[in-house]
């Protein structure tokens, strides 16, 4: 970051094992409490227009076996405290980037039949390929990929489809789209005018649904690793948006 011209780099380090110790040992009635400095930190970052880079290395089974009620309380409390600033981040109040960093427990989940060192090396290769780091000129490859994403989002915005239909095993979903909607994807522009790509890798273009016109069922075809818990074989049912 300093080589890229940053004047000050500040590191906030979190160890998810400390979160696990909280679930193992903290009072059961304390999970609606949250450290006050975290939302204040995010607020100051966004107000200053500072860049935010997050390296995430999550154990997908961290909270396996924990009380689902406590996990729900923790997640709800966390979101209630940071939602306003999370929303500001999602509309690019500042430039930001999230990087997923391979670790042994993640690799073992993806490649369970390989020795630990081979599984980690294979996961690194998979991540490198997904991020186009295996190509001769990754930067040029990303610029071309970004150009294609923007061409697709502009095409879809011009089309102004009224709805999207999704059909697959266990899934039959109609997503209505509002008049005048826009498609997004690829690079974004922060409030202070900096172009950035928030997710590496990224393959999506996306828009938002009409709030009253989402109907049907969508079934997850793969497990979801979310906040230290692995959620499998689940459906989401939508009615009246």
C-alpha atoms as a PDB file:
ATOM      1  CA  UNK A   1       0.000   0.000   0.000  1.00  0.00           C
ATOM      2  CA  UNK A   2       2.857   2.357   0.779  1.00  0.00           C
ATOM      3  CA  UNK A   3       4.514   1.514  -2.549  1.00  0.00           C
ATOM      4  CA  UNK A   4       1.195   2.411  -4.208  1.00  0.00           C
ATOM      5  CA  UNK A   5       1.320   5.853  -2.604  1.00  0.00           C
ATOM      6  CA  UNK A   6      -0.608   5.491   0.672  1.00  0.00           C
ATOM      7  CA  UNK A   7       0.289   8.091   3.312  1.00  0.00           C
ATOM      8  CA  UNK A   8      -0.795   5.972   6.276  1.00  0.00           C
ATOM      9  CA  UNK A   9      -1.669   2.277   6.498  1.00  0.00           C
ATOM     10  CA  UNK A  10      -3.582   1.081   9.554  1.00  0.00           C
ATOM     11  CA  UNK A  11      -4.133  -2.621  10.237  1.00  0.00           C
ATOM     12  CA  UNK A  12      -7.080  -4.005  12.182  1.00  0.00           C
ATOM     13  CA  UNK A  13      -6.508  -7.677  12.972  1.00  0.00           C
ATOM     14  CA  UNK A  14      -9.236 -10.110  13.968  1.00  0.00           C
ATOM     15  CA  UNK A  15      -8.719 -13.742  14.944  1.00  0.00           C
ATOM     16  CA  UNK A  16     -11.863 -15.828  14.514  1.00  0.00           C
ATOM     17  CA  UNK A  17     -10.636 -18.186  17.228  1.00  0.00           C
ATOM     18  CA  UNK A  18     -11.382 -15.370  19.678  1.00  0.00           C
ATOM     19  CA  UNK A  19     -14.971 -15.390  18.423  1.00  0.00           C
ATOM     20  CA  UNK A  20     -15.072 -19.146  19.024  1.00  0.00           C
ATOM     21  CA  UNK A  21     -13.876 -18.597  22.606  1.00  0.00           C
ATOM     22  CA  UNK A  22     -16.739 -16.166  23.087  1.00  0.00           C
ATOM     23  CA  UNK A  23     -19.251 -18.827  22.055  1.00  0.00           C
ATOM     24  CA  UNK A  24     -17.562 -21.378  24.296  1.00  0.00           C
ATOM     25  CA  UNK A  25     -17.159 -19.273  27.435  1.00  0.00           C
ATOM     26  CA  UNK A  26     -19.051 -15.953  27.386  1.00  0.00           C
ATOM     27  CA  UNK A  27     -22.296 -15.513  29.389  1.00  0.00           C
ATOM     28  CA  UNK A  28     -25.260 -16.717  27.370  1.00  0.00           C
ATOM     29  CA  UNK A  29     -27.077 -13.394  27.823  1.00  0.00           C
ATOM     30  CA  UNK A  30     -24.189 -11.291  26.452  1.00  0.00           C
ATOM     31  CA  UNK A  31     -24.588 -11.931  22.741  1.00  0.00           C
ATOM     32  CA  UNK A  32     -26.690  -8.826  22.147  1.00  0.00           C
ATOM     33  CA  UNK A  33     -23.657  -6.686  23.066  1.00  0.00           C
ATOM     34  CA  UNK A  34     -21.235  -5.303  20.471  1.00  0.00           C
ATOM     35  CA  UNK A  35     -17.938  -3.363  20.633  1.00  0.00           C
ATOM     36  CA  UNK A  36     -18.802   0.300  20.132  1.00  0.00           C
ATOM     37  CA  UNK A  37     -15.529   1.165  18.379  1.00  0.00           C
ATOM     38  CA  UNK A  38     -16.182  -1.014  15.298  1.00  0.00           C
ATOM     39  CA  UNK A  39     -19.015   1.045  13.742  1.00  0.00           C
ATOM     40  CA  UNK A  40     -17.152   4.213  14.745  1.00  0.00           C
ATOM     41  CA  UNK A  41     -14.087   2.988  12.863  1.00  0.00           C
ATOM     42  CA  UNK A  42     -16.122   2.221   9.728  1.00  0.00           C
ATOM     43  CA  UNK A  43     -17.827   5.621  10.002  1.00  0.00           C
ATOM     44  CA  UNK A  44     -14.487   7.458  10.125  1.00  0.00           C
ATOM     45  CA  UNK A  45     -13.068   5.457   7.209  1.00  0.00           C
ATOM     46  CA  UNK A  46     -16.045   6.325   5.016  1.00  0.00           C
ATOM     47  CA  UNK A  47     -16.202   9.963   6.072  1.00  0.00           C
ATOM     48  CA  UNK A  48     -12.480  10.375   5.312  1.00  0.00           C
ATOM     49  CA  UNK A  49     -12.802   8.648   1.943  1.00  0.00           C
ATOM     50  CA  UNK A  50     -10.117   6.149   2.947  1.00  0.00           C
ATOM     51  CA  UNK A  51      -9.581   2.968   0.937  1.00  0.00           C
ATOM     52  CA  UNK A  52     -10.561  -0.239   2.722  1.00  0.00           C
ATOM     53  CA  UNK A  53      -8.968  -3.613   1.962  1.00  0.00           C
ATOM     54  CA  UNK A  54     -10.257  -6.688   3.790  1.00  0.00           C
ATOM     55  CA  UNK A  55      -8.440 -10.021   3.798  1.00  0.00           C
ATOM     56  CA  UNK A  56     -10.830 -12.777   4.817  1.00  0.00           C
ATOM     57  CA  UNK A  57      -9.685 -16.255   5.884  1.00  0.00           C
ATOM     58  CA  UNK A  58     -12.709 -18.033   7.325  1.00  0.00           C
ATOM     59  CA  UNK A  59     -13.049 -21.476   8.855  1.00  0.00           C
ATOM     60  CA  UNK A  60     -16.326 -22.772   7.342  1.00  0.00           C
ATOM     61  CA  UNK A  61     -16.937 -24.952  10.414  1.00  0.00           C
ATOM     62  CA  UNK A  62     -15.934 -22.429  13.083  1.00  0.00           C
ATOM     63  CA  UNK A  63     -19.344 -22.317  14.797  1.00  0.00           C
ATOM     64  CA  UNK A  64     -20.445 -25.844  13.938  1.00  0.00           C
ATOM     65  CA  UNK A  65     -22.353 -27.290  16.880  1.00  0.00           C
ATOM     66  CA  UNK A  66     -22.943 -23.934  18.554  1.00  0.00           C
ATOM     67  CA  UNK A  67     -26.423 -22.905  19.694  1.00  0.00           C
ATOM     68  CA  UNK A  68     -28.184 -21.588  16.543  1.00  0.00           C
ATOM     69  CA  UNK A  69     -30.097 -19.103  18.679  1.00  0.00           C
ATOM     70  CA  UNK A  70     -26.878 -17.540  19.975  1.00  0.00           C
ATOM     71  CA  UNK A  71     -25.408 -17.459  16.473  1.00  0.00           C
ATOM     72  CA  UNK A  72     -28.557 -15.698  15.264  1.00  0.00           C
ATOM     73  CA  UNK A  73     -28.417 -13.174  18.108  1.00  0.00           C
ATOM     74  CA  UNK A  74     -24.748 -12.446  17.405  1.00  0.00           C
ATOM     75  CA  UNK A  75     -25.341 -11.946  13.669  1.00  0.00           C
ATOM     76  CA  UNK A  76     -28.411  -9.761  14.205  1.00  0.00           C
ATOM     77  CA  UNK A  77     -26.606  -7.611  16.785  1.00  0.00           C
ATOM     78  CA  UNK A  78     -23.599  -7.187  14.515  1.00  0.00           C
ATOM     79  CA  UNK A  79     -25.743  -6.173  11.551  1.00  0.00           C
ATOM     80  CA  UNK A  80     -27.828  -3.752  13.604  1.00  0.00           C
ATOM     81  CA  UNK A  81     -24.660  -1.931  14.682  1.00  0.00           C
ATOM     82  CA  UNK A  82     -22.958  -1.704  11.290  1.00  0.00           C
ATOM     83  CA  UNK A  83     -25.926  -1.687   8.878  1.00  0.00           C
ATOM     84  CA  UNK A  84     -25.905   2.069   8.257  1.00  0.00           C
ATOM     85  CA  UNK A  85     -22.217   2.061   7.395  1.00  0.00           C
ATOM     86  CA  UNK A  86     -22.449  -1.215   5.493  1.00  0.00           C
ATOM     87  CA  UNK A  87     -25.124   0.397   3.344  1.00  0.00           C
ATOM     88  CA  UNK A  88     -22.808   3.377   2.738  1.00  0.00           C
ATOM     89  CA  UNK A  89     -20.041   0.995   1.709  1.00  0.00           C
ATOM     90  CA  UNK A  90     -22.394  -0.802  -0.681  1.00  0.00           C
ATOM     91  CA  UNK A  91     -23.077   2.460  -2.531  1.00  0.00           C
ATOM     92  CA  UNK A  92     -19.308   3.064  -2.752  1.00  0.00           C
ATOM     93  CA  UNK A  93     -18.875   5.921  -0.321  1.00  0.00           C
ATOM     94  CA  UNK A  94     -15.218   4.911  -0.515  1.00  0.00           C
ATOM     95  CA  UNK A  95     -13.193   2.468  -2.602  1.00  0.00           C
ATOM     96  CA  UNK A  96     -12.935  -0.995  -1.103  1.00  0.00           C
ATOM     97  CA  UNK A  97     -11.788  -4.528  -1.854  1.00  0.00           C
ATOM     98  CA  UNK A  98     -12.346  -7.960  -0.298  1.00  0.00           C
ATOM     99  CA  UNK A  99      -9.792 -10.734  -0.811  1.00  0.00           C
ATOM    100  CA  UNK A 100     -10.403 -14.347   0.249  1.00  0.00           C
ATOM    101  CA  UNK A 101      -7.170 -15.874   1.565  1.00  0.00           C
ATOM    102  CA  UNK A 102      -6.755 -19.688   1.415  1.00  0.00           C
ATOM    103  CA  UNK A 103      -6.103 -21.406   4.740  1.00  0.00           C
ATOM    104  CA  UNK A 104      -5.750 -25.126   5.623  1.00  0.00           C
ATOM    105  CA  UNK A 105      -9.244 -25.646   7.092  1.00  0.00           C
ATOM    106  CA  UNK A 106     -10.869 -24.141   3.988  1.00  0.00           C
ATOM    107  CA  UNK A 107      -8.652 -26.234   1.722  1.00  0.00           C
ATOM    108  CA  UNK A 108      -9.542 -29.397   3.651  1.00  0.00           C
ATOM    109  CA  UNK A 109     -13.234 -28.649   3.119  1.00  0.00           C
ATOM    110  CA  UNK A 110     -12.793 -28.212  -0.630  1.00  0.00           C
ATOM    111  CA  UNK A 111     -10.323 -31.084  -1.159  1.00  0.00           C
ATOM    112  CA  UNK A 112     -11.040 -33.502   1.720  1.00  0.00           C
ATOM    113  CA  UNK A 113      -9.229 -36.467   0.175  1.00  0.00           C
ATOM    114  CA  UNK A 114      -5.844 -34.741  -0.245  1.00  0.00           C
ATOM    115  CA  UNK A 115      -3.070 -34.342   2.330  1.00  0.00           C
ATOM    116  CA  UNK A 116      -3.173 -30.935   4.024  1.00  0.00           C
ATOM    117  CA  UNK A 117      -0.207 -29.413   2.162  1.00  0.00           C
ATOM    118  CA  UNK A 118      -1.441 -30.638  -1.234  1.00  0.00           C
ATOM    119  CA  UNK A 119      -4.977 -29.409  -0.543  1.00  0.00           C
ATOM    120  CA  UNK A 120      -3.738 -25.927   0.376  1.00  0.00           C
ATOM    121  CA  UNK A 121      -1.505 -25.721  -2.697  1.00  0.00           C
ATOM    122  CA  UNK A 122      -4.378 -26.839  -4.929  1.00  0.00           C
ATOM    123  CA  UNK A 123      -6.719 -24.243  -3.414  1.00  0.00           C
ATOM    124  CA  UNK A 124      -4.121 -21.524  -4.014  1.00  0.00           C
ATOM    125  CA  UNK A 125      -3.884 -22.616  -7.658  1.00  0.00           C
ATOM    126  CA  UNK A 126      -7.673 -22.541  -7.981  1.00  0.00           C
ATOM    127  CA  UNK A 127      -7.866 -19.039  -6.507  1.00  0.00           C
ATOM    128  CA  UNK A 128      -5.016 -17.847  -8.739  1.00  0.00           C
ATOM    129  CA  UNK A 129      -6.801 -19.197 -11.812  1.00  0.00           C
ATOM    130  CA  UNK A 130     -10.116 -17.611 -10.797  1.00  0.00           C
ATOM    131  CA  UNK A 131      -8.292 -14.287 -10.357  1.00  0.00           C
ATOM    132  CA  UNK A 132      -6.561 -14.654 -13.761  1.00  0.00           C
ATOM    133  CA  UNK A 133      -3.134 -14.702 -12.133  1.00  0.00           C
ATOM    134  CA  UNK A 134      -2.147 -17.698 -14.257  1.00  0.00           C
ATOM    135  CA  UNK A 135      -2.200 -15.585 -17.450  1.00  0.00           C
ATOM    136  CA  UNK A 136       0.795 -13.824 -18.978  1.00  0.00           C
ATOM    137  CA  UNK A 137      -0.598 -10.352 -18.241  1.00  0.00           C
ATOM    138  CA  UNK A 138      -3.206 -10.522 -15.447  1.00  0.00           C
ATOM    139  CA  UNK A 139      -3.757  -6.742 -15.424  1.00  0.00           C
ATOM    140  CA  UNK A 140      -4.525  -6.650 -19.149  1.00  0.00           C
ATOM    141  CA  UNK A 141      -6.778  -9.698 -18.737  1.00  0.00           C
ATOM    142  CA  UNK A 142      -8.709  -7.952 -15.961  1.00  0.00           C
ATOM    143  CA  UNK A 143      -9.126  -4.789 -17.990  1.00  0.00           C
ATOM    144  CA  UNK A 144     -10.563  -6.814 -20.882  1.00  0.00           C
ATOM    145  CA  UNK A 145     -12.830  -8.780 -18.536  1.00  0.00           C
ATOM    146  CA  UNK A 146     -14.031  -5.528 -16.979  1.00  0.00           C
ATOM    147  CA  UNK A 147     -14.763  -4.129 -20.449  1.00  0.00           C
ATOM    148  CA  UNK A 148     -16.879  -7.186 -21.272  1.00  0.00           C
ATOM    149  CA  UNK A 149     -18.810  -6.949 -17.995  1.00  0.00           C
ATOM    150  CA  UNK A 150     -19.612  -3.304 -18.721  1.00  0.00           C
ATOM    151  CA  UNK A 151     -20.746  -4.132 -22.256  1.00  0.00           C
ATOM    152  CA  UNK A 152     -23.133  -6.771 -20.874  1.00  0.00           C
ATOM    153  CA  UNK A 153     -24.540  -4.515 -18.183  1.00  0.00           C
ATOM    154  CA  UNK A 154     -25.152  -1.717 -20.713  1.00  0.00           C
ATOM    155  CA  UNK A 155     -26.928  -4.157 -23.042  1.00  0.00           C
ATOM    156  CA  UNK A 156     -29.190  -5.416 -20.249  1.00  0.00           C
ATOM    157  CA  UNK A 157     -29.949  -1.873 -19.090  1.00  0.00           C
ATOM    158  CA  UNK A 158     -31.054  -0.968 -22.627  1.00  0.00           C
ATOM    159  CA  UNK A 159     -33.277  -4.067 -22.834  1.00  0.00           C
ATOM    160  CA  UNK A 160     -35.311  -3.067 -19.739  1.00  0.00           C
ATOM    161  CA  UNK A 161     -36.726  -6.566 -19.184  1.00  0.00           C
ATOM    162  CA  UNK A 162     -39.836  -6.655 -17.007  1.00  0.00           C
ATOM    163  CA  UNK A 163     -38.924  -9.897 -15.208  1.00  0.00           C
ATOM    164  CA  UNK A 164     -36.410 -12.740 -14.986  1.00  0.00           C
ATOM    165  CA  UNK A 165     -37.378 -16.415 -14.654  1.00  0.00           C
ATOM    166  CA  UNK A 166     -35.142 -18.987 -12.993  1.00  0.00           C
ATOM    167  CA  UNK A 167     -35.841 -22.705 -13.329  1.00  0.00           C
ATOM    168  CA  UNK A 168     -33.650 -25.538 -12.006  1.00  0.00           C
ATOM    169  CA  UNK A 169     -34.094 -28.609  -9.759  1.00  0.00           C
ATOM    170  CA  UNK A 170     -36.048 -27.299  -6.767  1.00  0.00           C
ATOM    171  CA  UNK A 171     -36.070 -23.743  -8.159  1.00  0.00           C
ATOM    172  CA  UNK A 172     -38.944 -21.935  -9.862  1.00  0.00           C
ATOM    173  CA  UNK A 173     -38.552 -18.216  -9.289  1.00  0.00           C
ATOM    174  CA  UNK A 174     -39.844 -15.097 -11.056  1.00  0.00           C
ATOM    175  CA  UNK A 175     -38.060 -11.845 -10.252  1.00  0.00           C
ATOM    176  CA  UNK A 176     -39.910  -8.732 -11.402  1.00  0.00           C
ATOM    177  CA  UNK A 177     -37.769  -5.732 -12.327  1.00  0.00           C
ATOM    178  CA  UNK A 178     -38.718  -2.077 -11.720  1.00  0.00           C
ATOM    179  CA  UNK A 179     -39.133   0.359 -14.567  1.00  0.00           C
ATOM    180  CA  UNK A 180     -35.935   2.270 -15.211  1.00  0.00           C
ATOM    181  CA  UNK A 181     -33.692  -0.238 -13.446  1.00  0.00           C
ATOM    182  CA  UNK A 182     -29.947  -0.301 -14.114  1.00  0.00           C
ATOM    183  CA  UNK A 183     -27.544  -3.231 -14.315  1.00  0.00           C
ATOM    184  CA  UNK A 184     -24.168  -3.056 -12.568  1.00  0.00           C
ATOM    185  CA  UNK A 185     -20.972  -5.127 -12.600  1.00  0.00           C
ATOM    186  CA  UNK A 186     -17.244  -4.863 -13.036  1.00  0.00           C
ATOM    187  CA  UNK A 187     -15.600  -1.672 -11.837  1.00  0.00           C
ATOM    188  CA  UNK A 188     -17.396   0.896  -9.727  1.00  0.00           C
ATOM    189  CA  UNK A 189     -16.614   4.547  -8.949  1.00  0.00           C
ATOM    190  CA  UNK A 190     -16.320   5.780  -5.381  1.00  0.00           C
ATOM    191  CA  UNK A 191     -17.786   9.051  -4.134  1.00  0.00           C
ATOM    192  CA  UNK A 192     -14.330  10.648  -4.421  1.00  0.00           C
ATOM    193  CA  UNK A 193     -14.037   9.630  -8.091  1.00  0.00           C
ATOM    194  CA  UNK A 194     -11.778   6.574  -7.861  1.00  0.00           C
ATOM    195  CA  UNK A 195     -12.491   3.654 -10.206  1.00  0.00           C
ATOM    196  CA  UNK A 196     -12.061   0.291  -8.460  1.00  0.00           C
ATOM    197  CA  UNK A 197     -13.084  -3.358  -8.728  1.00  0.00           C
ATOM    198  CA  UNK A 198     -14.473  -4.371  -5.331  1.00  0.00           C
ATOM    199  CA  UNK A 199     -14.421  -8.143  -5.793  1.00  0.00           C
ATOM    200  CA  UNK A 200     -11.626 -10.312  -7.184  1.00  0.00           C
ATOM    201  CA  UNK A 201     -12.683 -12.520  -8.840  1.00  0.00           C
ATOM    202  CA  UNK A 202     -16.025 -11.290 -10.161  1.00  0.00           C
ATOM    203  CA  UNK A 203     -18.102 -12.723 -12.985  1.00  0.00           C
ATOM    204  CA  UNK A 204     -21.473 -11.118 -12.328  1.00  0.00           C
ATOM    205  CA  UNK A 205     -23.676  -8.376 -13.608  1.00  0.00           C
ATOM    206  CA  UNK A 206     -26.567  -7.583 -11.284  1.00  0.00           C
ATOM    207  CA  UNK A 207     -29.549  -5.363 -10.668  1.00  0.00           C
ATOM    208  CA  UNK A 208     -32.256  -5.032  -8.027  1.00  0.00           C
ATOM    209  CA  UNK A 209     -35.749  -6.588  -8.003  1.00  0.00           C
ATOM    210  CA  UNK A 210     -39.097  -4.857  -7.817  1.00  0.00           C
ATOM    211  CA  UNK A 211     -39.957  -4.874  -4.121  1.00  0.00           C
ATOM    212  CA  UNK A 212     -43.446  -6.372  -4.678  1.00  0.00           C
ATOM    213  CA  UNK A 213     -42.837  -8.744  -7.588  1.00  0.00           C
ATOM    214  CA  UNK A 214     -40.642 -11.641  -6.498  1.00  0.00           C
ATOM    215  CA  UNK A 215     -42.492 -14.982  -6.411  1.00  0.00           C
ATOM    216  CA  UNK A 216     -41.505 -18.612  -6.068  1.00  0.00           C
ATOM    217  CA  UNK A 217     -38.860 -20.858  -4.577  1.00  0.00           C
ATOM    218  CA  UNK A 218     -35.095 -20.956  -5.002  1.00  0.00           C
ATOM    219  CA  UNK A 219     -33.098 -23.953  -3.791  1.00  0.00           C
ATOM    220  CA  UNK A 220     -29.396 -23.842  -2.960  1.00  0.00           C
ATOM    221  CA  UNK A 221     -27.479 -26.303  -5.120  1.00  0.00           C
ATOM    222  CA  UNK A 222     -24.326 -25.998  -2.982  1.00  0.00           C
ATOM    223  CA  UNK A 223     -23.693 -25.470   0.757  1.00  0.00           C
ATOM    224  CA  UNK A 224     -23.360 -21.903   2.046  1.00  0.00           C
ATOM    225  CA  UNK A 225     -20.517 -21.089   4.434  1.00  0.00           C
ATOM    226  CA  UNK A 226     -21.799 -18.133   6.450  1.00  0.00           C
ATOM    227  CA  UNK A 227     -20.206 -16.634   9.559  1.00  0.00           C
ATOM    228  CA  UNK A 228     -18.602 -19.894  10.649  1.00  0.00           C
ATOM    229  CA  UNK A 229     -21.601 -22.123   9.995  1.00  0.00           C
ATOM    230  CA  UNK A 230     -22.158 -24.401   7.005  1.00  0.00           C
ATOM    231  CA  UNK A 231     -25.789 -24.309   5.804  1.00  0.00           C
ATOM    232  CA  UNK A 232     -26.884 -27.152   3.525  1.00  0.00           C
ATOM    233  CA  UNK A 233     -29.997 -28.217   1.604  1.00  0.00           C
ATOM    234  CA  UNK A 234     -32.045 -25.055   2.117  1.00  0.00           C
ATOM    235  CA  UNK A 235     -34.817 -23.292   0.201  1.00  0.00           C
ATOM    236  CA  UNK A 236     -35.916 -19.676   0.128  1.00  0.00           C
ATOM    237  CA  UNK A 237     -39.598 -18.997  -0.569  1.00  0.00           C
ATOM    238  CA  UNK A 238     -40.729 -15.585  -1.821  1.00  0.00           C
ATOM    239  CA  UNK A 239     -44.269 -14.248  -1.942  1.00  0.00           C
ATOM    240  CA  UNK A 240     -45.407 -10.709  -2.845  1.00  0.00           C
ATOM    241  CA  UNK A 241     -41.822  -9.502  -3.083  1.00  0.00           C
END
